[in-house]
Amino acid sequence: MDPYSAVVSVLVVGMLFGMPLFALSLRFAIKPVLEAWQKAREAAAPKPVSSKELEALKLRVAALEAVWENRLGGGALQPVSPSKQLVD
């Protein structure tokens, strides 16, 4: 067997068996890292707000603004005392 045929046979065997084994071992080594990265991205991504939730939040803000106006006497910075609220 001449050296060229020996090199070719080694390369063919390496490509047929070595490359798939290398690819599988690389896949199993990288898979946990990719899964951890994906879970970290999912946890960090903000969840979209539905239109129903947005409308509920708008109503809640409007109600809080009404309470704010009533408690602060029409927008004044000083809160109205409880005795003045009872008189009105």
PDB file of N, CA and C in Angstrom:
ATOM      1  N   MET A   1       0.863  -1.175   0.000  1.00  0.00           N
ATOM      2  CA  MET A   1       0.000   0.000   0.000  1.00  0.00           C
ATOM      3  C   MET A   1       0.906   1.234   0.000  1.00  0.00           C
ATOM      4  N   ASP A   2       0.709   2.078  -0.958  1.00  0.00           N
ATOM      5  CA  ASP A   2       1.530   3.279  -1.044  1.00  0.00           C
ATOM      6  C   ASP A   2       1.002   4.343  -0.063  1.00  0.00           C
ATOM      7  N   PRO A   3       1.799   5.351   0.230  1.00  0.00           N
ATOM      8  CA  PRO A   3       1.393   6.346   1.240  1.00  0.00           C
ATOM      9  C   PRO A   3       0.140   7.129   0.843  1.00  0.00           C
ATOM     10  N   TYR A   4      -0.051   7.356  -0.443  1.00  0.00           N
ATOM     11  CA  TYR A   4      -1.231   8.121  -0.869  1.00  0.00           C
ATOM     12  C   TYR A   4      -2.537   7.374  -0.581  1.00  0.00           C
ATOM     13  N   SER A   5      -2.539   6.099  -0.852  1.00  0.00           N
ATOM     14  CA  SER A   5      -3.762   5.319  -0.591  1.00  0.00           C
ATOM     15  C   SER A   5      -4.008   5.194   0.920  1.00  0.00           C
ATOM     16  N   ALA A   6      -2.947   5.141   1.708  1.00  0.00           N
ATOM     17  CA  ALA A   6      -3.114   5.097   3.162  1.00  0.00           C
ATOM     18  C   ALA A   6      -3.710   6.407   3.678  1.00  0.00           C
ATOM     19  N   VAL A   7      -3.235   7.525   3.173  1.00  0.00           N
ATOM     20  CA  VAL A   7      -3.768   8.833   3.585  1.00  0.00           C
ATOM     21  C   VAL A   7      -5.215   8.967   3.157  1.00  0.00           C
ATOM     22  N   VAL A   8      -5.521   8.550   1.947  1.00  0.00           N
ATOM     23  CA  VAL A   8      -6.896   8.635   1.448  1.00  0.00           C
ATOM     24  C   VAL A   8      -7.818   7.754   2.280  1.00  0.00           C
ATOM     25  N   SER A   9      -7.402   6.575   2.615  1.00  0.00           N
ATOM     26  CA  SER A   9      -8.251   5.678   3.415  1.00  0.00           C
ATOM     27  C   SER A   9      -8.475   6.249   4.821  1.00  0.00           C
ATOM     28  N   VAL A  10      -7.449   6.856   5.394  1.00  0.00           N
ATOM     29  CA  VAL A  10      -7.606   7.478   6.711  1.00  0.00           C
ATOM     30  C   VAL A  10      -8.576   8.653   6.627  1.00  0.00           C
ATOM     31  N   LEU A  11      -8.454   9.462   5.598  1.00  0.00           N
ATOM     32  CA  LEU A  11      -9.360  10.596   5.425  1.00  0.00           C
ATOM     33  C   LEU A  11     -10.802  10.149   5.196  1.00  0.00           C
ATOM     34  N   VAL A  12     -10.995   9.127   4.404  1.00  0.00           N
ATOM     35  CA  VAL A  12     -12.352   8.624   4.146  1.00  0.00           C
ATOM     36  C   VAL A  12     -12.967   8.078   5.431  1.00  0.00           C
ATOM     37  N   VAL A  13     -12.216   7.284   6.161  1.00  0.00           N
ATOM     38  CA  VAL A  13     -12.730   6.755   7.430  1.00  0.00           C
ATOM     39  C   VAL A  13     -13.001   7.893   8.402  1.00  0.00           C
ATOM     40  N   GLY A  14     -12.126   8.875   8.425  1.00  0.00           N
ATOM     41  CA  GLY A  14     -12.337  10.025   9.303  1.00  0.00           C
ATOM     42  C   GLY A  14     -13.591  10.799   8.947  1.00  0.00           C
ATOM     43  N   MET A  15     -13.832  10.976   7.652  1.00  0.00           N
ATOM     44  CA  MET A  15     -15.029  11.701   7.236  1.00  0.00           C
ATOM     45  C   MET A  15     -16.295  10.886   7.481  1.00  0.00           C
ATOM     46  N   LEU A  16     -16.223   9.599   7.307  1.00  0.00           N
ATOM     47  CA  LEU A  16     -17.420   8.772   7.475  1.00  0.00           C
ATOM     48  C   LEU A  16     -17.801   8.579   8.946  1.00  0.00           C
ATOM     49  N   PHE A  17     -16.811   8.455   9.817  1.00  0.00           N
ATOM     50  CA  PHE A  17     -17.104   8.163  11.220  1.00  0.00           C
ATOM     51  C   PHE A  17     -16.730   9.303  12.164  1.00  0.00           C
ATOM     52  N   GLY A  18     -15.634   9.953  11.876  1.00  0.00           N
ATOM     53  CA  GLY A  18     -15.146  10.988  12.788  1.00  0.00           C
ATOM     54  C   GLY A  18     -15.985  12.251  12.781  1.00  0.00           C
ATOM     55  N   MET A  19     -16.360  12.714  11.596  1.00  0.00           N
ATOM     56  CA  MET A  19     -17.136  13.955  11.507  1.00  0.00           C
ATOM     57  C   MET A  19     -18.514  13.826  12.164  1.00  0.00           C
ATOM     58  N   PRO A  20     -19.280  12.759  11.916  1.00  0.00           N
ATOM     59  CA  PRO A  20     -20.576  12.644  12.610  1.00  0.00           C
ATOM     60  C   PRO A  20     -20.431  12.539  14.132  1.00  0.00           C
ATOM     61  N   LEU A  21     -19.424  11.830  14.596  1.00  0.00           N
ATOM     62  CA  LEU A  21     -19.216  11.734  16.036  1.00  0.00           C
ATOM     63  C   LEU A  21     -18.816  13.085  16.621  1.00  0.00           C
ATOM     64  N   PHE A  22     -17.998  13.831  15.898  1.00  0.00           N
ATOM     65  CA  PHE A  22     -17.609  15.168  16.340  1.00  0.00           C
ATOM     66  C   PHE A  22     -18.832  16.093  16.378  1.00  0.00           C
ATOM     67  N   ALA A  23     -19.671  16.015  15.357  1.00  0.00           N
ATOM     68  CA  ALA A  23     -20.865  16.862  15.302  1.00  0.00           C
ATOM     69  C   ALA A  23     -21.831  16.529  16.439  1.00  0.00           C
ATOM     70  N   LEU A  24     -22.019  15.258  16.723  1.00  0.00           N
ATOM     71  CA  LEU A  24     -22.908  14.866  17.818  1.00  0.00           C
ATOM     72  C   LEU A  24     -22.371  15.326  19.167  1.00  0.00           C
ATOM     73  N   SER A  25     -21.092  15.154  19.380  1.00  0.00           N
ATOM     74  CA  SER A  25     -20.522  15.577  20.656  1.00  0.00           C
ATOM     75  C   SER A  25     -20.595  17.098  20.802  1.00  0.00           C
ATOM     76  N   LEU A  26     -20.401  17.825  19.708  1.00  0.00           N
ATOM     77  CA  LEU A  26     -20.519  19.281  19.736  1.00  0.00           C
ATOM     78  C   LEU A  26     -21.958  19.710  20.018  1.00  0.00           C
ATOM     79  N   ARG A  27     -22.909  19.003  19.418  1.00  0.00           N
ATOM     80  CA  ARG A  27     -24.324  19.311  19.650  1.00  0.00           C
ATOM     81  C   ARG A  27     -24.691  19.113  21.120  1.00  0.00           C
ATOM     82  N   PHE A  28     -24.283  18.013  21.703  1.00  0.00           N
ATOM     83  CA  PHE A  28     -24.618  17.746  23.102  1.00  0.00           C
ATOM     84  C   PHE A  28     -23.884  18.687  24.056  1.00  0.00           C
ATOM     85  N   ALA A  29     -22.762  19.208  23.625  1.00  0.00           N
ATOM     86  CA  ALA A  29     -22.035  20.152  24.472  1.00  0.00           C
ATOM     87  C   ALA A  29     -22.657  21.546  24.419  1.00  0.00           C
ATOM     88  N   ILE A  30     -23.190  21.937  23.268  1.00  0.00           N
ATOM     89  CA  ILE A  30     -23.726  23.291  23.099  1.00  0.00           C
ATOM     90  C   ILE A  30     -25.194  23.388  23.506  1.00  0.00           C
ATOM     91  N   LYS A  31     -25.938  22.302  23.448  1.00  0.00           N
ATOM     92  CA  LYS A  31     -27.377  22.331  23.709  1.00  0.00           C
ATOM     93  C   LYS A  31     -27.736  22.941  25.067  1.00  0.00           C
ATOM     94  N   PRO A  32     -27.110  22.573  26.190  1.00  0.00           N
ATOM     95  CA  PRO A  32     -27.480  23.186  27.469  1.00  0.00           C
ATOM     96  C   PRO A  32     -27.218  24.694  27.511  1.00  0.00           C
ATOM     97  N   VAL A  33     -26.161  25.119  26.853  1.00  0.00           N
ATOM     98  CA  VAL A  33     -25.851  26.551  26.824  1.00  0.00           C
ATOM     99  C   VAL A  33     -26.928  27.307  26.058  1.00  0.00           C
ATOM    100  N   LEU A  34     -27.348  26.792  24.920  1.00  0.00           N
ATOM    101  CA  LEU A  34     -28.383  27.440  24.129  1.00  0.00           C
ATOM    102  C   LEU A  34     -29.732  27.451  24.846  1.00  0.00           C
ATOM    103  N   GLU A  35     -30.067  26.377  25.540  1.00  0.00           N
ATOM    104  CA  GLU A  35     -31.329  26.333  26.283  1.00  0.00           C
ATOM    105  C   GLU A  35     -31.326  27.349  27.423  1.00  0.00           C
ATOM    106  N   ALA A  36     -30.216  27.480  28.123  1.00  0.00           N
ATOM    107  CA  ALA A  36     -30.128  28.468  29.203  1.00  0.00           C
ATOM    108  C   ALA A  36     -30.237  29.883  28.650  1.00  0.00           C
ATOM    109  N   TRP A  37     -29.608  30.135  27.522  1.00  0.00           N
ATOM    110  CA  TRP A  37     -29.676  31.455  26.895  1.00  0.00           C
ATOM    111  C   TRP A  37     -31.099  31.771  26.455  1.00  0.00           C
ATOM    112  N   GLN A  38     -31.800  30.784  25.902  1.00  0.00           N
ATOM    113  CA  GLN A  38     -33.177  30.978  25.457  1.00  0.00           C
ATOM    114  C   GLN A  38     -34.100  31.259  26.642  1.00  0.00           C
ATOM    115  N   LYS A  39     -33.935  30.538  27.740  1.00  0.00           N
ATOM    116  CA  LYS A  39     -34.766  30.775  28.923  1.00  0.00           C
ATOM    117  C   LYS A  39     -34.496  32.153  29.516  1.00  0.00           C
ATOM    118  N   ALA A  40     -33.258  32.587  29.486  1.00  0.00           N
ATOM    119  CA  ALA A  40     -32.931  33.920  29.994  1.00  0.00           C
ATOM    120  C   ALA A  40     -33.571  35.000  29.131  1.00  0.00           C
ATOM    121  N   ARG A  41     -33.584  34.812  27.834  1.00  0.00           N
ATOM    122  CA  ARG A  41     -34.235  35.787  26.946  1.00  0.00           C
ATOM    123  C   ARG A  41     -35.738  35.810  27.143  1.00  0.00           C
ATOM    124  N   GLU A  42     -36.353  34.633  27.345  1.00  0.00           N
ATOM    125  CA  GLU A  42     -37.797  34.579  27.561  1.00  0.00           C
ATOM    126  C   GLU A  42     -38.171  35.260  28.871  1.00  0.00           C
ATOM    127  N   ALA A  43     -37.344  35.092  29.887  1.00  0.00           N
ATOM    128  CA  ALA A  43     -37.642  35.703  31.181  1.00  0.00           C
ATOM    129  C   ALA A  43     -37.464  37.212  31.129  1.00  0.00           C
ATOM    130  N   ALA A  44     -36.550  37.692  30.319  1.00  0.00           N
ATOM    131  CA  ALA A  44     -36.286  39.121  30.257  1.00  0.00           C
ATOM    132  C   ALA A  44     -37.238  39.851  29.325  1.00  0.00           C
ATOM    133  N   ALA A  45     -37.865  39.154  28.408  1.00  0.00           N
ATOM    134  CA  ALA A  45     -38.747  39.807  27.438  1.00  0.00           C
ATOM    135  C   ALA A  45     -40.048  40.232  28.109  1.00  0.00           C
ATOM    136  N   PRO A  46     -40.481  41.482  27.891  1.00  0.00           N
ATOM    137  CA  PRO A  46     -41.755  41.915  28.475  1.00  0.00           C
ATOM    138  C   PRO A  46     -42.923  41.249  27.765  1.00  0.00           C
ATOM    139  N   LYS A  47     -43.922  40.919  28.533  1.00  0.00           N
ATOM    140  CA  LYS A  47     -45.107  40.294  27.962  1.00  0.00           C
ATOM    141  C   LYS A  47     -46.006  41.376  27.381  1.00  0.00           C
ATOM    142  N   PRO A  48     -46.590  41.133  26.212  1.00  0.00           N
ATOM    143  CA  PRO A  48     -47.457  42.143  25.615  1.00  0.00           C
ATOM    144  C   PRO A  48     -48.756  42.290  26.417  1.00  0.00           C
ATOM    145  N   VAL A  49     -49.252  43.519  26.478  1.00  0.00           N
ATOM    146  CA  VAL A  49     -50.472  43.807  27.217  1.00  0.00           C
ATOM    147  C   VAL A  49     -51.639  43.723  26.246  1.00  0.00           C
ATOM    148  N   SER A  50     -52.675  43.000  26.630  1.00  0.00           N
ATOM    149  CA  SER A  50     -53.833  42.877  25.758  1.00  0.00           C
ATOM    150  C   SER A  50     -54.656  44.155  25.809  1.00  0.00           C
ATOM    151  N   SER A  51     -55.544  44.307  24.845  1.00  0.00           N
ATOM    152  CA  SER A  51     -56.362  45.524  24.767  1.00  0.00           C
ATOM    153  C   SER A  51     -57.332  45.604  25.952  1.00  0.00           C
ATOM    154  N   LYS A  52     -57.806  44.459  26.435  1.00  0.00           N
ATOM    155  CA  LYS A  52     -58.702  44.465  27.598  1.00  0.00           C
ATOM    156  C   LYS A  52     -57.973  44.962  28.841  1.00  0.00           C
ATOM    157  N   GLU A  53     -56.747  44.492  29.018  1.00  0.00           N
ATOM    158  CA  GLU A  53     -55.959  44.934  30.165  1.00  0.00           C
ATOM    159  C   GLU A  53     -55.647  46.426  30.067  1.00  0.00           C
ATOM    160  N   LEU A  54     -55.384  46.899  28.859  1.00  0.00           N
ATOM    161  CA  LEU A  54     -55.093  48.310  28.658  1.00  0.00           C
ATOM    162  C   LEU A  54     -56.312  49.170  28.976  1.00  0.00           C
ATOM    163  N   GLU A  55     -57.484  48.740  28.547  1.00  0.00           N
ATOM    164  CA  GLU A  55     -58.709  49.483  28.852  1.00  0.00           C
ATOM    165  C   GLU A  55     -58.983  49.482  30.360  1.00  0.00           C
ATOM    166  N   ALA A  56     -58.753  48.352  31.017  1.00  0.00           N
ATOM    167  CA  ALA A  56     -58.950  48.287  32.465  1.00  0.00           C
ATOM    168  C   ALA A  56     -57.995  49.234  33.187  1.00  0.00           C
ATOM    169  N   LEU A  57     -56.764  49.304  32.711  1.00  0.00           N
ATOM    170  CA  LEU A  57     -55.794  50.215  33.327  1.00  0.00           C
ATOM    171  C   LEU A  57     -56.187  51.670  33.099  1.00  0.00           C
ATOM    172  N   LYS A  58     -56.709  51.986  31.911  1.00  0.00           N
ATOM    173  CA  LYS A  58     -57.156  53.355  31.641  1.00  0.00           C
ATOM    174  C   LYS A  58     -58.299  53.741  32.565  1.00  0.00           C
ATOM    175  N   LEU A  59     -59.246  52.824  32.763  1.00  0.00           N
ATOM    176  CA  LEU A  59     -60.361  53.100  33.676  1.00  0.00           C
ATOM    177  C   LEU A  59     -59.878  53.286  35.106  1.00  0.00           C
ATOM    178  N   ARG A  60     -58.927  52.480  35.496  1.00  0.00           N
ATOM    179  CA  ARG A  60     -58.397  52.582  36.854  1.00  0.00           C
ATOM    180  C   ARG A  60     -57.669  53.909  37.069  1.00  0.00           C
ATOM    181  N   VAL A  61     -56.917  54.355  36.069  1.00  0.00           N
ATOM    182  CA  VAL A  61     -56.228  55.639  36.170  1.00  0.00           C
ATOM    183  C   VAL A  61     -57.236  56.773  36.234  1.00  0.00           C
ATOM    184  N   ALA A  62     -58.294  56.683  35.435  1.00  0.00           N
ATOM    185  CA  ALA A  62     -59.319  57.725  35.462  1.00  0.00           C
ATOM    186  C   ALA A  62     -59.987  57.783  36.835  1.00  0.00           C
ATOM    187  N   ALA A  63     -60.263  56.624  37.436  1.00  0.00           N
ATOM    188  CA  ALA A  63     -60.867  56.602  38.767  1.00  0.00           C
ATOM    189  C   ALA A  63     -59.911  57.177  39.805  1.00  0.00           C
ATOM    190  N   LEU A  64     -58.643  56.859  39.698  1.00  0.00           N
ATOM    191  CA  LEU A  64     -57.670  57.404  40.640  1.00  0.00           C
ATOM    192  C   LEU A  64     -57.510  58.910  40.467  1.00  0.00           C
ATOM    193  N   GLU A  65     -57.606  59.392  39.230  1.00  0.00           N
ATOM    194  CA  GLU A  65     -57.545  60.835  39.000  1.00  0.00           C
ATOM    195  C   GLU A  65     -58.752  61.530  39.624  1.00  0.00           C
ATOM    196  N   ALA A  66     -59.929  60.907  39.543  1.00  0.00           N
ATOM    197  CA  ALA A  66     -61.122  61.488  40.153  1.00  0.00           C
ATOM    198  C   ALA A  66     -60.966  61.549  41.670  1.00  0.00           C
ATOM    199  N   VAL A  67     -60.444  60.494  42.253  1.00  0.00           N
ATOM    200  CA  VAL A  67     -60.222  60.485  43.703  1.00  0.00           C
ATOM    201  C   VAL A  67     -59.191  61.547  44.066  1.00  0.00           C
ATOM    202  N   TRP A  68     -58.169  61.672  43.277  1.00  0.00           N
ATOM    203  CA  TRP A  68     -57.122  62.677  43.508  1.00  0.00           C
ATOM    204  C   TRP A  68     -57.731  64.077  43.493  1.00  0.00           C
ATOM    205  N   GLU A  69     -58.569  64.355  42.506  1.00  0.00           N
ATOM    206  CA  GLU A  69     -59.194  65.672  42.406  1.00  0.00           C
ATOM    207  C   GLU A  69     -60.098  65.930  43.607  1.00  0.00           C
ATOM    208  N   ASN A  70     -60.860  64.933  44.027  1.00  0.00           N
ATOM    209  CA  ASN A  70     -61.771  65.112  45.171  1.00  0.00           C
ATOM    210  C   ASN A  70     -61.008  65.318  46.466  1.00  0.00           C
ATOM    211  N   ARG A  71     -59.970  64.555  46.659  1.00  0.00           N
ATOM    212  CA  ARG A  71     -59.226  64.638  47.921  1.00  0.00           C
ATOM    213  C   ARG A  71     -58.380  65.900  48.005  1.00  0.00           C
ATOM    214  N   LEU A  72     -57.917  66.404  46.870  1.00  0.00           N
ATOM    215  CA  LEU A  72     -57.051  67.567  46.888  1.00  0.00           C
ATOM    216  C   LEU A  72     -57.813  68.858  46.631  1.00  0.00           C
ATOM    217  N   GLY A  73     -59.109  68.821  46.663  1.00  0.00           N
ATOM    218  CA  GLY A  73     -59.898  70.030  46.543  1.00  0.00           C
ATOM    219  C   GLY A  73     -59.791  70.682  45.181  1.00  0.00           C
ATOM    220  N   GLY A  74     -60.015  69.934  44.143  1.00  0.00           N
ATOM    221  CA  GLY A  74     -60.018  70.507  42.807  1.00  0.00           C
ATOM    222  C   GLY A  74     -58.637  70.760  42.249  1.00  0.00           C
ATOM    223  N   GLY A  75     -57.650  70.000  42.644  1.00  0.00           N
ATOM    224  CA  GLY A  75     -56.327  70.120  42.057  1.00  0.00           C
ATOM    225  C   GLY A  75     -55.350  70.907  42.901  1.00  0.00           C
ATOM    226  N   ALA A  76     -55.755  71.419  44.063  1.00  0.00           N
ATOM    227  CA  ALA A  76     -54.830  72.135  44.929  1.00  0.00           C
ATOM    228  C   ALA A  76     -53.796  71.152  45.470  1.00  0.00           C
ATOM    229  N   LEU A  77     -52.657  71.679  45.848  1.00  0.00           N
ATOM    230  CA  LEU A  77     -51.604  70.804  46.332  1.00  0.00           C
ATOM    231  C   LEU A  77     -51.811  70.383  47.778  1.00  0.00           C
ATOM    232  N   GLN A  78     -52.626  71.098  48.531  1.00  0.00           N
ATOM    233  CA  GLN A  78     -52.877  70.758  49.927  1.00  0.00           C
ATOM    234  C   GLN A  78     -54.132  69.900  50.016  1.00  0.00           C
ATOM    235  N   PRO A  79     -54.080  68.779  50.737  1.00  0.00           N
ATOM    236  CA  PRO A  79     -55.270  67.939  50.861  1.00  0.00           C
ATOM    237  C   PRO A  79     -56.350  68.645  51.680  1.00  0.00           C
ATOM    238  N   VAL A  80     -57.580  68.352  51.341  1.00  0.00           N
ATOM    239  CA  VAL A  80     -58.712  68.926  52.065  1.00  0.00           C
ATOM    240  C   VAL A  80     -58.858  68.172  53.374  1.00  0.00           C
ATOM    241  N   SER A  81     -59.081  68.899  54.436  1.00  0.00           N
ATOM    242  CA  SER A  81     -59.234  68.239  55.736  1.00  0.00           C
ATOM    243  C   SER A  81     -60.548  67.474  55.763  1.00  0.00           C
ATOM    244  N   PRO A  82     -60.624  66.420  56.554  1.00  0.00           N
ATOM    245  CA  PRO A  82     -61.851  65.609  56.598  1.00  0.00           C
ATOM    246  C   PRO A  82     -63.069  66.434  57.058  1.00  0.00           C
ATOM    247  N   SER A  83     -62.888  67.428  57.921  1.00  0.00           N
ATOM    248  CA  SER A  83     -64.027  68.206  58.385  1.00  0.00           C
ATOM    249  C   SER A  83     -64.605  69.044  57.249  1.00  0.00           C
ATOM    250  N   LYS A  84     -63.758  69.543  56.337  1.00  0.00           N
ATOM    251  CA  LYS A  84     -64.244  70.333  55.192  1.00  0.00           C
ATOM    252  C   LYS A  84     -64.996  69.430  54.205  1.00  0.00           C
ATOM    253  N   GLN A  85     -64.566  68.192  54.060  1.00  0.00           N
ATOM    254  CA  GLN A  85     -65.256  67.293  53.145  1.00  0.00           C
ATOM    255  C   GLN A  85     -66.654  66.985  53.658  1.00  0.00           C
ATOM    256  N   LEU A  86     -66.817  66.887  54.950  1.00  0.00           N
ATOM    257  CA  LEU A  86     -68.128  66.589  55.517  1.00  0.00           C
ATOM    258  C   LEU A  86     -69.068  67.785  55.354  1.00  0.00           C
ATOM    259  N   VAL A  87     -68.553  69.003  55.409  1.00  0.00           N
ATOM    260  CA  VAL A  87     -69.379  70.203  55.285  1.00  0.00           C
ATOM    261  C   VAL A  87     -69.880  70.342  53.861  1.00  0.00           C
ATOM    262  N   ASP A  88     -69.044  70.026  52.881  1.00  0.00           N
ATOM    263  CA  ASP A  88     -69.443  70.166  51.467  1.00  0.00           C
ATOM    264  C   ASP A  88     -70.494  69.186  51.177  1.00  0.00           C
TER     265      ASP A  88
END
